[in-house]
N, C-alpha and C. Protein backbone atom coordinates (compact mmCIF):
# COMPACT_ATOMS: atom_id res chain seq x y z
N SER A 1 237.78 -11.39 10.67
CA SER A 1 237.26 -12.04 11.85
C SER A 1 236.11 -11.27 12.46
N VAL A 2 235.61 -10.26 11.75
CA VAL A 2 234.50 -9.46 12.26
C VAL A 2 233.21 -10.26 12.19
N GLY A 3 232.87 -10.87 11.06
CA GLY A 3 231.64 -11.63 10.91
C GLY A 3 231.89 -13.12 11.06
N LEU A 4 230.86 -13.82 11.49
CA LEU A 4 230.97 -15.25 11.66
C LEU A 4 230.69 -16.00 10.37
N GLU A 5 230.07 -15.35 9.41
CA GLU A 5 229.73 -16.00 8.15
C GLU A 5 230.98 -16.18 7.31
N PRO A 6 231.16 -17.36 6.72
CA PRO A 6 232.34 -17.55 5.88
C PRO A 6 232.17 -16.81 4.57
N LYS A 7 233.21 -16.19 4.12
CA LYS A 7 233.17 -15.48 2.85
C LYS A 7 234.07 -16.24 1.89
N PHE A 8 233.56 -16.41 0.70
CA PHE A 8 234.34 -17.13 -0.30
C PHE A 8 234.89 -16.11 -1.28
N CYS A 9 236.14 -16.03 -1.34
CA CYS A 9 236.79 -15.12 -2.28
C CYS A 9 237.60 -15.96 -3.26
N PHE A 10 237.36 -15.75 -4.52
CA PHE A 10 238.06 -16.51 -5.55
C PHE A 10 238.84 -15.54 -6.44
N LEU A 11 239.83 -16.08 -7.02
CA LEU A 11 240.47 -15.35 -8.09
C LEU A 11 239.54 -15.38 -9.28
N PHE A 12 239.66 -14.43 -10.15
CA PHE A 12 238.75 -14.32 -11.28
C PHE A 12 238.73 -15.61 -12.12
N ALA A 13 239.85 -16.20 -12.41
CA ALA A 13 239.92 -17.42 -13.21
C ALA A 13 239.29 -18.59 -12.48
N SER A 14 239.50 -18.65 -11.17
CA SER A 14 238.91 -19.74 -10.38
C SER A 14 237.41 -19.58 -10.27
N GLN A 15 236.95 -18.35 -10.17
CA GLN A 15 235.51 -18.10 -10.06
C GLN A 15 234.80 -18.50 -11.34
N LEU A 16 235.36 -18.23 -12.47
CA LEU A 16 234.75 -18.63 -13.74
C LEU A 16 234.61 -20.15 -13.82
N ARG A 17 235.57 -20.84 -13.27
CA ARG A 17 235.51 -22.30 -13.28
C ARG A 17 234.53 -22.80 -12.21
N HIS A 18 234.43 -22.13 -11.08
CA HIS A 18 233.62 -22.57 -9.94
C HIS A 18 232.11 -22.42 -10.19
N GLU A 19 231.68 -21.31 -10.74
CA GLU A 19 230.24 -21.02 -10.88
C GLU A 19 229.46 -22.08 -11.63
N PRO A 20 229.85 -22.55 -12.82
CA PRO A 20 229.04 -23.57 -13.50
C PRO A 20 228.99 -24.87 -12.71
N ILE A 21 230.05 -25.26 -12.04
CA ILE A 21 230.04 -26.49 -11.25
C ILE A 21 229.09 -26.34 -10.08
N CYS A 22 229.11 -25.21 -9.44
CA CYS A 22 228.25 -24.96 -8.28
C CYS A 22 226.78 -24.98 -8.69
N ARG A 23 226.44 -24.33 -9.81
CA ARG A 23 225.06 -24.34 -10.31
C ARG A 23 224.60 -25.76 -10.59
N LYS A 24 225.46 -26.54 -11.23
CA LYS A 24 225.14 -27.90 -11.59
C LYS A 24 224.85 -28.74 -10.33
N VAL A 25 225.63 -28.59 -9.30
CA VAL A 25 225.46 -29.35 -8.07
C VAL A 25 224.17 -28.98 -7.36
N PHE A 26 223.89 -27.69 -7.23
CA PHE A 26 222.74 -27.26 -6.46
C PHE A 26 221.42 -27.31 -7.23
N ASN A 27 221.46 -27.38 -8.54
CA ASN A 27 220.22 -27.49 -9.32
C ASN A 27 219.81 -28.93 -9.55
N LYS A 28 220.70 -29.85 -9.31
CA LYS A 28 220.40 -31.25 -9.56
C LYS A 28 219.52 -31.81 -8.43
N LYS A 29 218.46 -32.57 -8.80
CA LYS A 29 217.62 -33.24 -7.82
C LYS A 29 218.35 -34.47 -7.32
N ARG A 30 218.34 -34.67 -6.05
CA ARG A 30 219.04 -35.79 -5.46
C ARG A 30 218.10 -36.99 -5.34
N LYS A 31 218.57 -38.17 -5.71
CA LYS A 31 217.77 -39.37 -5.57
C LYS A 31 217.70 -39.76 -4.11
N PRO A 32 216.54 -40.26 -3.66
CA PRO A 32 216.46 -40.69 -2.26
C PRO A 32 217.33 -41.92 -2.04
N PHE A 33 217.98 -41.93 -0.92
CA PHE A 33 218.89 -43.03 -0.60
C PHE A 33 218.08 -44.25 -0.16
N ASN A 34 218.37 -45.41 -0.77
CA ASN A 34 217.67 -46.63 -0.44
C ASN A 34 218.61 -47.50 0.39
N SER A 35 218.39 -47.49 1.71
CA SER A 35 219.29 -48.23 2.60
C SER A 35 219.11 -49.74 2.43
N LEU A 36 217.91 -50.19 2.09
CA LEU A 36 217.68 -51.63 1.90
C LEU A 36 218.51 -52.13 0.73
N LYS A 37 218.49 -51.39 -0.36
CA LYS A 37 219.27 -51.78 -1.53
C LYS A 37 220.76 -51.80 -1.20
N GLN A 38 221.20 -50.83 -0.44
CA GLN A 38 222.60 -50.74 -0.04
C GLN A 38 223.01 -51.93 0.82
N ARG A 39 222.11 -52.33 1.75
CA ARG A 39 222.42 -53.47 2.64
C ARG A 39 222.47 -54.78 1.88
N LEU A 40 221.60 -54.93 0.88
CA LEU A 40 221.50 -56.20 0.17
C LEU A 40 222.58 -56.38 -0.89
N GLN A 41 223.31 -55.33 -1.20
CA GLN A 41 224.37 -55.46 -2.20
C GLN A 41 225.44 -56.42 -1.68
N GLY A 42 225.82 -57.35 -2.55
CA GLY A 42 226.86 -58.30 -2.19
C GLY A 42 226.35 -59.50 -1.41
N THR A 43 225.06 -59.63 -1.23
CA THR A 43 224.50 -60.81 -0.55
C THR A 43 223.77 -61.65 -1.57
N GLU A 44 223.32 -62.83 -1.12
CA GLU A 44 222.59 -63.73 -2.02
C GLU A 44 221.16 -63.27 -2.24
N ILE A 45 220.66 -62.49 -1.33
CA ILE A 45 219.28 -62.00 -1.44
C ILE A 45 219.26 -60.89 -2.48
N LEU A 46 218.48 -61.09 -3.52
CA LEU A 46 218.41 -60.08 -4.57
C LEU A 46 217.43 -58.97 -4.22
N SER A 47 216.28 -59.37 -3.73
CA SER A 47 215.30 -58.36 -3.36
C SER A 47 214.38 -58.93 -2.28
N VAL A 48 213.77 -58.08 -1.56
CA VAL A 48 212.84 -58.47 -0.52
C VAL A 48 211.44 -58.12 -1.01
N LYS A 49 210.54 -59.10 -0.90
CA LYS A 49 209.17 -58.83 -1.34
C LYS A 49 208.47 -57.96 -0.31
N LYS A 50 207.84 -56.94 -0.78
CA LYS A 50 207.08 -56.07 0.11
C LYS A 50 205.72 -56.71 0.35
N GLN A 51 205.28 -56.61 1.59
CA GLN A 51 203.95 -57.13 1.92
C GLN A 51 202.91 -56.18 1.36
N PRO A 52 201.84 -56.76 0.78
CA PRO A 52 200.80 -55.87 0.25
C PRO A 52 200.11 -55.15 1.40
N PRO A 53 199.67 -53.94 1.17
CA PRO A 53 198.99 -53.20 2.25
C PRO A 53 197.69 -53.93 2.62
N PRO A 54 197.29 -53.87 3.88
CA PRO A 54 196.07 -54.56 4.29
C PRO A 54 194.86 -54.00 3.56
N LYS A 55 193.99 -54.92 3.16
CA LYS A 55 192.80 -54.50 2.41
C LYS A 55 191.84 -53.78 3.35
N LYS A 56 191.29 -52.72 2.85
CA LYS A 56 190.32 -51.98 3.65
C LYS A 56 188.99 -52.71 3.60
N GLN A 57 188.41 -52.90 4.78
CA GLN A 57 187.10 -53.54 4.84
C GLN A 57 186.05 -52.50 4.48
N PRO A 58 185.04 -52.92 3.73
CA PRO A 58 184.01 -51.94 3.37
C PRO A 58 183.33 -51.42 4.63
N GLU A 59 183.15 -50.11 4.66
CA GLU A 59 182.53 -49.50 5.83
C GLU A 59 181.05 -49.84 5.85
N LYS A 60 180.57 -50.10 7.07
CA LYS A 60 179.15 -50.42 7.24
C LYS A 60 178.36 -49.13 7.13
N LYS A 61 177.15 -49.27 6.64
CA LYS A 61 176.29 -48.09 6.56
C LYS A 61 175.91 -47.68 7.97
N SER A 62 175.88 -46.39 8.17
CA SER A 62 175.52 -45.88 9.48
C SER A 62 174.01 -45.97 9.66
N ASN A 63 173.59 -46.46 10.80
CA ASN A 63 172.16 -46.56 11.07
C ASN A 63 171.77 -45.53 12.13
N TRP A 64 172.31 -44.33 12.00
CA TRP A 64 172.06 -43.29 12.99
C TRP A 64 170.61 -42.88 13.02
N ARG A 65 169.95 -42.90 11.87
CA ARG A 65 168.55 -42.47 11.84
C ARG A 65 167.68 -43.44 12.64
N GLN A 66 167.92 -44.74 12.50
CA GLN A 66 167.16 -45.74 13.26
C GLN A 66 167.44 -45.58 14.75
N ARG A 67 168.71 -45.38 15.11
CA ARG A 67 169.06 -45.19 16.52
C ARG A 67 168.39 -43.94 17.07
N HIS A 68 168.35 -42.89 16.27
CA HIS A 68 167.73 -41.63 16.69
C HIS A 68 166.24 -41.84 16.96
N GLU A 69 165.56 -42.54 16.05
CA GLU A 69 164.13 -42.80 16.23
C GLU A 69 163.88 -43.66 17.46
N ASP A 70 164.73 -44.67 17.69
CA ASP A 70 164.60 -45.51 18.88
C ASP A 70 164.78 -44.68 20.15
N PHE A 71 165.75 -43.77 20.11
CA PHE A 71 166.01 -42.91 21.26
C PHE A 71 164.80 -42.03 21.54
N ILE A 72 164.23 -41.43 20.51
CA ILE A 72 163.05 -40.57 20.69
C ILE A 72 161.88 -41.38 21.23
N ASN A 73 161.67 -42.59 20.70
CA ASN A 73 160.58 -43.45 21.19
C ASN A 73 160.81 -43.82 22.66
N ALA A 74 162.04 -44.07 23.05
CA ALA A 74 162.34 -44.41 24.44
C ALA A 74 162.03 -43.23 25.36
N ILE A 75 162.37 -42.02 24.91
CA ILE A 75 162.10 -40.83 25.71
C ILE A 75 160.59 -40.62 25.85
N GLN A 76 159.86 -40.79 24.75
CA GLN A 76 158.41 -40.61 24.80
C GLN A 76 157.74 -41.63 25.71
N SER A 77 158.20 -42.88 25.64
CA SER A 77 157.59 -43.90 26.50
C SER A 77 157.94 -43.64 27.96
N ALA A 78 159.14 -43.12 28.23
CA ALA A 78 159.51 -42.78 29.60
C ALA A 78 158.64 -41.64 30.13
N LYS A 79 158.34 -40.67 29.26
CA LYS A 79 157.46 -39.57 29.67
C LYS A 79 156.06 -40.10 29.97
N GLN A 80 155.58 -41.05 29.17
CA GLN A 80 154.25 -41.62 29.40
C GLN A 80 154.21 -42.36 30.72
N VAL A 81 155.27 -43.08 31.05
CA VAL A 81 155.34 -43.81 32.33
C VAL A 81 155.32 -42.83 33.49
N THR A 82 156.12 -41.75 33.37
CA THR A 82 156.16 -40.74 34.43
C THR A 82 154.79 -40.10 34.62
N LYS A 83 154.14 -39.77 33.52
CA LYS A 83 152.82 -39.15 33.58
C LYS A 83 151.80 -40.10 34.20
N ALA A 84 151.85 -41.38 33.83
CA ALA A 84 150.93 -42.37 34.38
C ALA A 84 151.16 -42.55 35.88
N MET A 85 152.42 -42.51 36.30
CA MET A 85 152.72 -42.65 37.73
C MET A 85 152.20 -41.44 38.51
N LYS A 86 152.34 -40.23 37.94
CA LYS A 86 151.85 -39.03 38.62
C LYS A 86 150.33 -39.05 38.75
N GLU A 87 149.66 -39.53 37.72
CA GLU A 87 148.20 -39.54 37.72
C GLU A 87 147.64 -40.78 38.39
N GLY A 88 148.48 -41.75 38.71
CA GLY A 88 148.02 -42.96 39.39
C GLY A 88 147.36 -43.96 38.46
N ARG A 89 147.57 -43.80 37.17
CA ARG A 89 147.01 -44.74 36.20
C ARG A 89 147.94 -45.94 36.06
N PRO A 90 147.44 -47.04 35.46
CA PRO A 90 148.34 -48.18 35.21
C PRO A 90 149.41 -47.80 34.19
N LEU A 91 150.56 -48.42 34.33
CA LEU A 91 151.68 -48.09 33.44
C LEU A 91 151.43 -48.60 32.03
N PRO A 92 151.81 -47.81 31.02
CA PRO A 92 151.65 -48.26 29.62
C PRO A 92 152.65 -49.38 29.32
N PRO A 93 152.35 -50.19 28.30
CA PRO A 93 153.29 -51.27 27.95
C PRO A 93 154.60 -50.70 27.43
N PRO A 94 155.69 -51.41 27.62
CA PRO A 94 156.97 -50.90 27.13
C PRO A 94 157.01 -50.92 25.61
N PRO A 95 157.84 -50.06 25.01
CA PRO A 95 157.92 -50.05 23.55
C PRO A 95 158.54 -51.36 23.05
N PRO A 96 158.16 -51.79 21.86
CA PRO A 96 158.74 -53.03 21.34
C PRO A 96 160.23 -52.87 21.12
N PRO A 97 161.01 -53.92 21.34
CA PRO A 97 162.45 -53.79 21.14
C PRO A 97 162.77 -53.59 19.67
N SER A 98 163.74 -52.73 19.43
CA SER A 98 164.14 -52.48 18.04
C SER A 98 165.16 -53.53 17.63
N VAL A 99 165.18 -53.85 16.35
CA VAL A 99 166.10 -54.84 15.82
C VAL A 99 167.27 -54.11 15.18
N ASN A 100 168.47 -54.40 15.63
CA ASN A 100 169.66 -53.78 15.08
C ASN A 100 170.00 -54.47 13.77
N PRO A 101 170.03 -53.76 12.63
CA PRO A 101 170.28 -54.41 11.35
C PRO A 101 171.71 -54.93 11.21
N ASP A 102 172.62 -54.46 12.08
CA ASP A 102 174.00 -54.95 12.00
C ASP A 102 174.15 -56.33 12.64
N TYR A 103 173.17 -56.74 13.43
CA TYR A 103 173.27 -58.02 14.12
C TYR A 103 172.85 -59.16 13.21
N ILE A 104 173.44 -60.33 13.45
CA ILE A 104 173.16 -61.53 12.66
C ILE A 104 172.30 -62.46 13.51
N GLN A 105 171.25 -63.00 12.92
CA GLN A 105 170.34 -63.86 13.67
C GLN A 105 170.80 -65.31 13.58
N CYS A 106 170.80 -65.98 14.73
CA CYS A 106 171.18 -67.39 14.79
C CYS A 106 170.02 -68.21 14.23
N PRO A 107 170.26 -69.10 13.27
CA PRO A 107 169.16 -69.89 12.70
C PRO A 107 168.63 -70.96 13.66
N TYR A 108 169.38 -71.24 14.72
CA TYR A 108 168.98 -72.31 15.63
C TYR A 108 168.16 -71.80 16.81
N CYS A 109 168.56 -70.68 17.40
CA CYS A 109 167.84 -70.18 18.57
C CYS A 109 167.18 -68.82 18.31
N LEU A 110 167.39 -68.26 17.13
CA LEU A 110 166.78 -67.01 16.69
C LEU A 110 167.23 -65.79 17.48
N ARG A 111 168.29 -65.90 18.24
CA ARG A 111 168.84 -64.74 18.93
C ARG A 111 169.73 -63.97 17.97
N ARG A 112 170.04 -62.71 18.31
CA ARG A 112 170.84 -61.86 17.42
C ARG A 112 172.15 -61.49 18.09
N PHE A 113 173.24 -61.46 17.27
CA PHE A 113 174.57 -61.18 17.78
C PHE A 113 175.33 -60.30 16.80
N ASN A 114 176.38 -59.62 17.29
CA ASN A 114 177.26 -58.91 16.36
C ASN A 114 178.10 -59.95 15.62
N GLU A 115 178.87 -59.51 14.63
CA GLU A 115 179.55 -60.46 13.74
C GLU A 115 180.48 -61.41 14.48
N ALA A 116 181.32 -60.87 15.35
CA ALA A 116 182.30 -61.71 16.04
C ALA A 116 181.61 -62.71 16.95
N ALA A 117 180.63 -62.25 17.71
CA ALA A 117 179.92 -63.14 18.63
C ALA A 117 179.07 -64.14 17.85
N ALA A 118 178.53 -63.72 16.71
CA ALA A 118 177.68 -64.61 15.92
C ALA A 118 178.48 -65.80 15.40
N GLU A 119 179.71 -65.56 14.96
CA GLU A 119 180.53 -66.67 14.47
C GLU A 119 180.73 -67.71 15.56
N ARG A 120 181.07 -67.25 16.76
CA ARG A 120 181.30 -68.18 17.86
C ARG A 120 180.00 -68.86 18.25
N HIS A 121 178.93 -68.07 18.39
CA HIS A 121 177.68 -68.61 18.90
C HIS A 121 177.04 -69.62 17.93
N ILE A 122 177.00 -69.28 16.66
CA ILE A 122 176.30 -70.14 15.70
C ILE A 122 176.95 -71.51 15.64
N SER A 123 178.28 -71.57 15.66
CA SER A 123 178.94 -72.88 15.65
C SER A 123 178.60 -73.65 16.93
N PHE A 124 178.58 -72.95 18.07
CA PHE A 124 178.24 -73.61 19.34
C PHE A 124 176.78 -74.07 19.32
N CYS A 125 175.88 -73.21 18.87
CA CYS A 125 174.46 -73.52 18.86
C CYS A 125 174.17 -74.66 17.89
N LYS A 126 174.88 -74.71 16.78
CA LYS A 126 174.70 -75.79 15.81
C LYS A 126 175.10 -77.11 16.44
N GLU A 127 176.21 -77.11 17.16
CA GLU A 127 176.66 -78.33 17.84
C GLU A 127 175.65 -78.77 18.89
N GLN A 128 175.11 -77.82 19.63
CA GLN A 128 174.11 -78.15 20.65
C GLN A 128 172.84 -78.69 20.01
N ALA A 129 172.46 -78.13 18.87
CA ALA A 129 171.24 -78.58 18.19
C ALA A 129 171.40 -80.00 17.67
N THR A 130 172.60 -80.36 17.21
CA THR A 130 172.81 -81.72 16.72
C THR A 130 172.85 -82.72 17.86
N ARG A 131 173.24 -82.27 19.05
CA ARG A 131 173.25 -83.19 20.20
C ARG A 131 171.86 -83.53 20.66
N ARG A 132 170.98 -82.56 20.61
CA ARG A 132 169.60 -82.82 21.03
C ARG A 132 168.91 -83.67 19.97
N VAL A 133 168.30 -84.73 20.42
CA VAL A 133 167.60 -85.60 19.47
C VAL A 133 166.11 -85.48 19.77
N PHE A 134 165.41 -84.84 18.85
CA PHE A 134 163.98 -84.67 18.99
C PHE A 134 163.28 -85.43 17.87
N ALA A 135 162.06 -85.80 18.16
CA ALA A 135 161.23 -86.33 17.08
C ALA A 135 160.89 -85.15 16.17
N PRO A 136 160.68 -85.39 14.86
CA PRO A 136 160.44 -84.28 13.95
C PRO A 136 159.28 -83.37 14.38
N GLY A 137 158.22 -83.94 14.92
CA GLY A 137 157.08 -83.14 15.35
C GLY A 137 157.40 -82.30 16.56
N GLN A 138 158.19 -82.84 17.48
CA GLN A 138 158.54 -82.11 18.70
C GLN A 138 159.41 -80.90 18.38
N LYS A 139 160.35 -81.09 17.46
CA LYS A 139 161.26 -80.00 17.13
C LYS A 139 160.50 -78.83 16.51
N ALA A 140 159.59 -79.13 15.58
CA ALA A 140 158.81 -78.08 14.93
C ALA A 140 157.91 -77.39 15.95
N ALA A 141 157.30 -78.17 16.85
CA ALA A 141 156.42 -77.58 17.86
C ALA A 141 157.22 -76.70 18.81
N LYS A 142 158.40 -77.14 19.18
CA LYS A 142 159.24 -76.36 20.10
C LYS A 142 159.68 -75.05 19.45
N GLN A 143 160.07 -75.10 18.16
CA GLN A 143 160.47 -73.88 17.47
C GLN A 143 159.29 -72.93 17.34
N ALA A 144 158.12 -73.45 17.02
CA ALA A 144 156.93 -72.60 16.87
C ALA A 144 156.59 -71.95 18.20
N SER A 145 156.66 -72.70 19.30
CA SER A 145 156.34 -72.11 20.61
C SER A 145 157.39 -71.07 20.98
N GLY A 146 158.65 -71.30 20.61
CA GLY A 146 159.70 -70.33 20.88
C GLY A 146 159.45 -69.03 20.14
N LYS A 147 159.04 -69.13 18.88
CA LYS A 147 158.73 -67.92 18.10
C LYS A 147 157.52 -67.21 18.70
N GLN A 148 156.52 -68.01 19.14
CA GLN A 148 155.31 -67.44 19.69
C GLN A 148 155.64 -66.70 21.00
N GLN A 149 156.51 -67.28 21.81
CA GLN A 149 156.88 -66.62 23.05
C GLN A 149 157.59 -65.31 22.78
N MET A 150 158.40 -65.27 21.72
CA MET A 150 159.13 -64.05 21.42
C MET A 150 158.21 -62.93 20.95
N THR A 151 157.09 -63.28 20.28
CA THR A 151 156.19 -62.25 19.76
C THR A 151 155.21 -61.76 20.81
N GLN A 152 154.94 -62.56 21.88
CA GLN A 152 154.00 -62.14 22.90
C GLN A 152 154.64 -61.05 23.75
N ARG A 153 153.83 -60.07 24.11
CA ARG A 153 154.32 -59.00 24.98
C ARG A 153 154.08 -59.41 26.43
N ARG A 154 155.06 -59.14 27.23
CA ARG A 154 154.93 -59.39 28.66
C ARG A 154 154.45 -58.11 29.33
N GLU A 155 153.76 -58.29 30.43
CA GLU A 155 153.35 -57.13 31.21
C GLU A 155 154.60 -56.51 31.81
N PRO A 156 154.64 -55.19 31.93
CA PRO A 156 155.84 -54.58 32.50
C PRO A 156 156.01 -54.98 33.96
N ALA A 157 157.21 -55.31 34.33
CA ALA A 157 157.49 -55.73 35.69
C ALA A 157 157.58 -54.49 36.58
N LEU A 158 156.87 -54.53 37.70
CA LEU A 158 156.90 -53.42 38.63
C LEU A 158 157.97 -53.69 39.67
N THR A 159 158.83 -52.76 39.85
CA THR A 159 159.86 -52.90 40.88
C THR A 159 159.25 -52.58 42.23
N SER A 160 159.92 -52.96 43.27
CA SER A 160 159.39 -52.72 44.62
C SER A 160 159.23 -51.22 44.88
N ALA A 161 160.14 -50.43 44.34
CA ALA A 161 160.05 -48.98 44.53
C ALA A 161 158.80 -48.41 43.87
N VAL A 162 158.49 -48.87 42.67
CA VAL A 162 157.31 -48.39 41.95
C VAL A 162 156.05 -48.86 42.66
N GLU A 163 156.05 -50.13 43.12
CA GLU A 163 154.88 -50.65 43.83
C GLU A 163 154.61 -49.84 45.09
N SER A 164 155.65 -49.54 45.87
CA SER A 164 155.45 -48.77 47.11
C SER A 164 154.97 -47.36 46.78
N LEU A 165 155.47 -46.77 45.71
CA LEU A 165 155.03 -45.44 45.30
C LEU A 165 153.55 -45.46 44.93
N LEU A 166 153.13 -46.47 44.18
CA LEU A 166 151.73 -46.57 43.78
C LEU A 166 150.84 -46.80 45.01
N GLN A 167 151.31 -47.60 45.97
CA GLN A 167 150.53 -47.83 47.20
C GLN A 167 150.41 -46.54 48.00
N ASN A 168 151.50 -45.79 48.10
CA ASN A 168 151.45 -44.52 48.83
C ASN A 168 150.48 -43.55 48.18
N ARG A 169 150.49 -43.50 46.87
CA ARG A 169 149.56 -42.59 46.15
C ARG A 169 148.11 -43.03 46.36
N ALA A 170 147.88 -44.35 46.36
CA ALA A 170 146.52 -44.84 46.58
C ALA A 170 146.05 -44.48 47.99
N GLN A 171 146.96 -44.61 48.98
CA GLN A 171 146.60 -44.26 50.36
C GLN A 171 146.32 -42.76 50.48
N GLU A 172 147.14 -41.95 49.84
CA GLU A 172 146.92 -40.50 49.87
C GLU A 172 145.59 -40.14 49.24
N ALA A 173 145.24 -40.81 48.13
CA ALA A 173 143.96 -40.55 47.47
C ALA A 173 142.80 -40.96 48.37
N ALA A 174 142.96 -42.08 49.08
CA ALA A 174 141.90 -42.53 49.97
C ALA A 174 141.72 -41.55 51.13
N ILE A 175 142.82 -41.06 51.68
CA ILE A 175 142.75 -40.10 52.78
C ILE A 175 142.12 -38.79 52.29
N ALA A 176 142.50 -38.34 51.11
CA ALA A 176 141.93 -37.12 50.55
C ALA A 176 140.43 -37.30 50.29
N GLY A 177 140.03 -38.50 49.84
CA GLY A 177 138.60 -38.79 49.60
C GLY A 177 137.79 -38.74 50.89
N LYS A 178 138.35 -39.30 51.98
CA LYS A 178 137.66 -39.28 53.28
C LYS A 178 137.54 -37.85 53.79
N ALA A 179 138.60 -37.05 53.58
CA ALA A 179 138.58 -35.65 54.03
C ALA A 179 137.50 -34.88 53.28
N LEU A 180 137.35 -35.14 51.99
CA LEU A 180 136.31 -34.46 51.20
C LEU A 180 134.91 -34.88 51.66
N GLN A 181 134.75 -36.18 52.02
CA GLN A 181 133.44 -36.67 52.49
C GLN A 181 133.06 -36.04 53.83
N SER A 182 134.04 -35.90 54.71
CA SER A 182 133.75 -35.33 56.01
C SER A 182 133.45 -33.82 55.91
N VAL A 183 134.05 -33.14 54.97
CA VAL A 183 133.81 -31.71 54.78
C VAL A 183 132.46 -31.50 54.12
N GLY A 184 132.14 -32.34 53.16
CA GLY A 184 130.95 -32.16 52.34
C GLY A 184 129.75 -32.76 52.92
């Protein structure tokens, strides 16, 4: 009763018989227990079909390089706008919008959408296009004007804050010009 570990003491004859059985038990690999097979034994169901694993969708190519270039162009154009505002020059035109290659273009309105939105939109836009009844010449002219409008650049819109800043700078320049004339 000194140690807590159990000690196995055998008679010599019993030990000779015990050792090969013990080796056999502990060296044998045990099969994994299949509870499904155990449950189905004795029932009418012979086997359960396993569902196939979900198919992996092919990964889209990463367009990080295009995004990086767009980001750099946006930063450069922002710097040009800031510099033009400091110098009091007219603002440069905004950079052209970049086209995301992952987006799908609607054949009816020429707008671009991601895959999920494109499926919904294209069916809706197709239905709307069939409802509108145009003469063949009108439809072609309308589509051509729509494309033309998309390619034309608009002048950058000045917000009220930018307009007031430009007016303040113009007034400061005028005051500085008068001060130089009176001194000189």
